[in-house]
Amino acid sequence: MAGTVTSGVPVTSTKPGAYVVDRIDPACPSAVFPFQVGGKWTGMIVVLLVDGPRRFTDLRDTLAGVTPKVLTETLRAMQRDGLVLRREFPANPPHVEYELTALGASLMELIDAARSWSDRHMPELLAARRANA
């Protein structure tokens, strides 16, 4: 049985009263989540910004391996999704700072849960990597 929830998001039902959001449909809000939060740099940026605003160059220098292009793209995506604010300062020379919004800061719950899970399962993860190397 297919239907639509009040937001217009397509859903399917496998049994009466149980609806599953269609994650394949690009209009589904859940489609945003895995790509944004699962991005390679997003979580690290959230952790860096949780204590307060930082300049682009500070973020770039702290995140080993990120290129300026990728950092810019990630910050723009996070800004678009309401996770960070970008503030321009007309000083001499001008500079930009990024800070978390309340929505962005709320991602720390997920990051902390992922850290906790990783800590609990690190021996198993490392053993699996060694076995499959």
C-alpha atoms as a PDB file:
ATOM      1  CA  MET A   1       0.000   0.000   0.000  1.00  0.00           C
ATOM      2  CA  ALA A   2       1.487   3.326  -1.032  1.00  0.00           C
ATOM      3  CA  GLY A   3       0.502   6.700   0.291  1.00  0.00           C
ATOM      4  CA  THR A   4       1.667  10.154   1.175  1.00  0.00           C
ATOM      5  CA  VAL A   5       2.202  11.599   4.622  1.00  0.00           C
ATOM      6  CA  THR A   6       0.996  15.126   5.314  1.00  0.00           C
ATOM      7  CA  SER A   7       4.307  16.630   4.174  1.00  0.00           C
ATOM      8  CA  GLY A   8       3.847  15.122   0.704  1.00  0.00           C
ATOM      9  CA  VAL A   9       6.652  12.597   1.222  1.00  0.00           C
ATOM     10  CA  PRO A  10       5.933   9.259  -0.461  1.00  0.00           C
ATOM     11  CA  VAL A  11       5.642   6.316   1.892  1.00  0.00           C
ATOM     12  CA  THR A  12       4.958   2.624   1.552  1.00  0.00           C
ATOM     13  CA  SER A  13       3.310   0.356   4.036  1.00  0.00           C
ATOM     14  CA  THR A  14       4.377  -3.216   4.584  1.00  0.00           C
ATOM     15  CA  LYS A  15       1.563  -3.879   7.046  1.00  0.00           C
ATOM     16  CA  PRO A  16      -1.409  -1.905   8.311  1.00  0.00           C
ATOM     17  CA  GLY A  17      -0.341   1.056  10.435  1.00  0.00           C
ATOM     18  CA  ALA A  18       3.380   0.682   9.629  1.00  0.00           C
ATOM     19  CA  TYR A  19       4.739   3.204   7.148  1.00  0.00           C
ATOM     20  CA  VAL A  20       8.276   3.349   5.837  1.00  0.00           C
ATOM     21  CA  VAL A  21       9.603   6.533   4.286  1.00  0.00           C
ATOM     22  CA  ASP A  22      10.793   6.020   0.716  1.00  0.00           C
ATOM     23  CA  ARG A  23      14.481   6.861   1.080  1.00  0.00           C
ATOM     24  CA  ILE A  24      15.060   6.556  -2.659  1.00  0.00           C
ATOM     25  CA  ASP A  25      12.786   9.483  -3.457  1.00  0.00           C
ATOM     26  CA  PRO A  26      14.921  12.666  -3.554  1.00  0.00           C
ATOM     27  CA  ALA A  27      11.992  14.619  -2.092  1.00  0.00           C
ATOM     28  CA  CYS A  28      12.182  12.560   1.107  1.00  0.00           C
ATOM     29  CA  PRO A  29      13.698  14.592   3.973  1.00  0.00           C
ATOM     30  CA  SER A  30      15.684  11.550   5.112  1.00  0.00           C
ATOM     31  CA  ALA A  31      17.647  11.750   1.865  1.00  0.00           C
ATOM     32  CA  VAL A  32      19.431  14.853   3.185  1.00  0.00           C
ATOM     33  CA  PHE A  33      20.666  13.253   6.382  1.00  0.00           C
ATOM     34  CA  PRO A  34      23.115  10.574   5.225  1.00  0.00           C
ATOM     35  CA  PHE A  35      24.884  12.808   2.751  1.00  0.00           C
ATOM     36  CA  GLN A  36      25.287  15.846   4.990  1.00  0.00           C
ATOM     37  CA  VAL A  37      26.171  14.209   8.265  1.00  0.00           C
ATOM     38  CA  GLY A  38      27.990  11.354   6.619  1.00  0.00           C
ATOM     39  CA  GLY A  39      30.293  13.677   4.719  1.00  0.00           C
ATOM     40  CA  LYS A  40      33.943  13.064   5.458  1.00  0.00           C
ATOM     41  CA  TRP A  41      34.568  16.498   6.988  1.00  0.00           C
ATOM     42  CA  THR A  42      31.190  17.500   8.442  1.00  0.00           C
ATOM     43  CA  GLY A  43      31.579  15.763  11.792  1.00  0.00           C
ATOM     44  CA  MET A  44      35.102  17.054  12.262  1.00  0.00           C
ATOM     45  CA  ILE A  45      33.986  20.604  11.474  1.00  0.00           C
ATOM     46  CA  VAL A  46      31.169  20.319  14.013  1.00  0.00           C
ATOM     47  CA  VAL A  47      33.652  19.159  16.663  1.00  0.00           C
ATOM     48  CA  LEU A  48      35.979  22.065  15.859  1.00  0.00           C
ATOM     49  CA  LEU A  49      33.170  24.641  15.998  1.00  0.00           C
ATOM     50  CA  VAL A  50      31.418  23.346  19.116  1.00  0.00           C
ATOM     51  CA  ASP A  51      33.564  25.568  21.361  1.00  0.00           C
ATOM     52  CA  GLY A  52      32.966  28.711  19.319  1.00  0.00           C
ATOM     53  CA  PRO A  53      33.530  30.443  15.991  1.00  0.00           C
ATOM     54  CA  ARG A  54      36.663  29.828  13.947  1.00  0.00           C
ATOM     55  CA  ARG A  55      38.216  31.359  10.880  1.00  0.00           C
ATOM     56  CA  PHE A  56      38.419  29.482   7.603  1.00  0.00           C
ATOM     57  CA  THR A  57      42.218  29.356   7.775  1.00  0.00           C
ATOM     58  CA  ASP A  58      42.090  27.924  11.295  1.00  0.00           C
ATOM     59  CA  LEU A  59      39.712  25.185  10.140  1.00  0.00           C
ATOM     60  CA  ARG A  60      41.854  24.459   7.079  1.00  0.00           C
ATOM     61  CA  ASP A  61      45.072  24.290   9.085  1.00  0.00           C
ATOM     62  CA  THR A  62      43.536  22.058  11.767  1.00  0.00           C
ATOM     63  CA  LEU A  63      41.895  19.577   9.376  1.00  0.00           C
ATOM     64  CA  ALA A  64      44.877  17.682   8.011  1.00  0.00           C
ATOM     65  CA  GLY A  65      44.291  16.608   4.441  1.00  0.00           C
ATOM     66  CA  VAL A  66      41.353  18.840   3.521  1.00  0.00           C
ATOM     67  CA  THR A  67      41.815  21.031   0.469  1.00  0.00           C
ATOM     68  CA  PRO A  68      40.534  24.622   0.509  1.00  0.00           C
ATOM     69  CA  LYS A  69      38.065  23.697  -2.258  1.00  0.00           C
ATOM     70  CA  VAL A  70      36.590  20.762  -0.336  1.00  0.00           C
ATOM     71  CA  LEU A  71      36.446  22.759   2.903  1.00  0.00           C
ATOM     72  CA  THR A  72      34.641  25.593   1.106  1.00  0.00           C
ATOM     73  CA  GLU A  73      32.154  23.158  -0.453  1.00  0.00           C
ATOM     74  CA  THR A  74      31.523  21.451   2.891  1.00  0.00           C
ATOM     75  CA  LEU A  75      31.036  24.738   4.751  1.00  0.00           C
ATOM     76  CA  ARG A  76      28.670  26.012   2.037  1.00  0.00           C
ATOM     77  CA  ALA A  77      26.621  22.812   2.250  1.00  0.00           C
ATOM     78  CA  MET A  78      26.518  23.081   6.039  1.00  0.00           C
ATOM     79  CA  GLN A  79      25.469  26.737   5.745  1.00  0.00           C
ATOM     80  CA  ARG A  80      22.771  25.839   3.205  1.00  0.00           C
ATOM     81  CA  ASP A  81      21.396  23.207   5.579  1.00  0.00           C
ATOM     82  CA  GLY A  82      21.350  25.600   8.527  1.00  0.00           C
ATOM     83  CA  LEU A  83      24.184  23.919  10.435  1.00  0.00           C
ATOM     84  CA  VAL A  84      26.652  26.829  10.388  1.00  0.00           C
ATOM     85  CA  LEU A  85      26.572  30.598  10.113  1.00  0.00           C
ATOM     86  CA  ARG A  86      29.139  32.471   8.030  1.00  0.00           C
ATOM     87  CA  ARG A  87      30.085  35.926   9.295  1.00  0.00           C
ATOM     88  CA  GLU A  88      32.152  38.409   7.325  1.00  0.00           C
ATOM     89  CA  PHE A  89      34.262  40.960   9.186  1.00  0.00           C
ATOM     90  CA  PRO A  90      35.261  44.098   7.249  1.00  0.00           C
ATOM     91  CA  ALA A  91      38.564  44.422   9.100  1.00  0.00           C
ATOM     92  CA  ASN A  92      41.837  45.082   7.345  1.00  0.00           C
ATOM     93  CA  PRO A  93      42.398  42.498   6.012  1.00  0.00           C
ATOM     94  CA  PRO A  94      38.814  41.224   5.904  1.00  0.00           C
ATOM     95  CA  HIS A  95      38.145  37.781   7.331  1.00  0.00           C
ATOM     96  CA  VAL A  96      35.353  35.251   7.696  1.00  0.00           C
ATOM     97  CA  GLU A  97      34.331  33.193  10.714  1.00  0.00           C
ATOM     98  CA  TYR A  98      32.083  30.160  10.894  1.00  0.00           C
ATOM     99  CA  GLU A  99      30.011  29.157  13.889  1.00  0.00           C
ATOM    100  CA  LEU A 100      27.521  26.417  14.638  1.00  0.00           C
ATOM    101  CA  THR A 101      23.827  27.104  14.782  1.00  0.00           C
ATOM    102  CA  ALA A 102      21.734  25.380  17.444  1.00  0.00           C
ATOM    103  CA  LEU A 103      20.830  22.819  14.782  1.00  0.00           C
ATOM    104  CA  GLY A 104      24.505  22.225  13.985  1.00  0.00           C
ATOM    105  CA  ALA A 105      25.410  21.934  17.663  1.00  0.00           C
ATOM    106  CA  SER A 106      22.707  19.298  18.077  1.00  0.00           C
ATOM    107  CA  LEU A 107      24.777  17.025  15.811  1.00  0.00           C
ATOM    108  CA  MET A 108      27.133  16.519  18.765  1.00  0.00           C
ATOM    109  CA  GLU A 109      24.579  14.027  20.110  1.00  0.00           C
ATOM    110  CA  LEU A 110      25.169  11.854  17.042  1.00  0.00           C
ATOM    111  CA  ILE A 111      28.909  12.403  17.079  1.00  0.00           C
ATOM    112  CA  ASP A 112      29.138  11.479  20.755  1.00  0.00           C
ATOM    113  CA  ALA A 113      27.063   8.351  20.115  1.00  0.00           C
ATOM    114  CA  ALA A 114      29.327   7.387  17.201  1.00  0.00           C
ATOM    115  CA  ARG A 115      32.425   7.957  19.341  1.00  0.00           C
ATOM    116  CA  SER A 116      30.969   5.814  22.113  1.00  0.00           C
ATOM    117  CA  TRP A 117      30.103   3.036  19.666  1.00  0.00           C
ATOM    118  CA  SER A 118      33.586   3.221  18.129  1.00  0.00           C
ATOM    119  CA  ASP A 119      35.233   3.030  21.545  1.00  0.00           C
ATOM    120  CA  ARG A 120      33.189  -0.060  22.451  1.00  0.00           C
ATOM    121  CA  HIS A 121      33.816  -1.829  19.153  1.00  0.00           C
ATOM    122  CA  MET A 122      37.351  -0.709  18.259  1.00  0.00           C
ATOM    123  CA  PRO A 123      38.966  -4.135  18.896  1.00  0.00           C
ATOM    124  CA  GLU A 124      36.394  -5.805  16.630  1.00  0.00           C
ATOM    125  CA  LEU A 125      36.787  -3.163  13.924  1.00  0.00           C
ATOM    126  CA  LEU A 126      40.568  -3.444  13.941  1.00  0.00           C
ATOM    127  CA  ALA A 127      40.406  -7.247  13.897  1.00  0.00           C
ATOM    128  CA  ALA A 128      38.029  -7.169  10.926  1.00  0.00           C
ATOM    129  CA  ARG A 129      40.321  -4.787   9.042  1.00  0.00           C
ATOM    130  CA  ARG A 130      43.323  -7.016   9.697  1.00  0.00           C
ATOM    131  CA  ALA A 131      41.383 -10.097   8.601  1.00  0.00           C
ATOM    132  CA  ASN A 132      40.235  -8.419   5.395  1.00  0.00           C
ATOM    133  CA  ALA A 133      43.476  -6.652   4.495  1.00  0.00           C
END
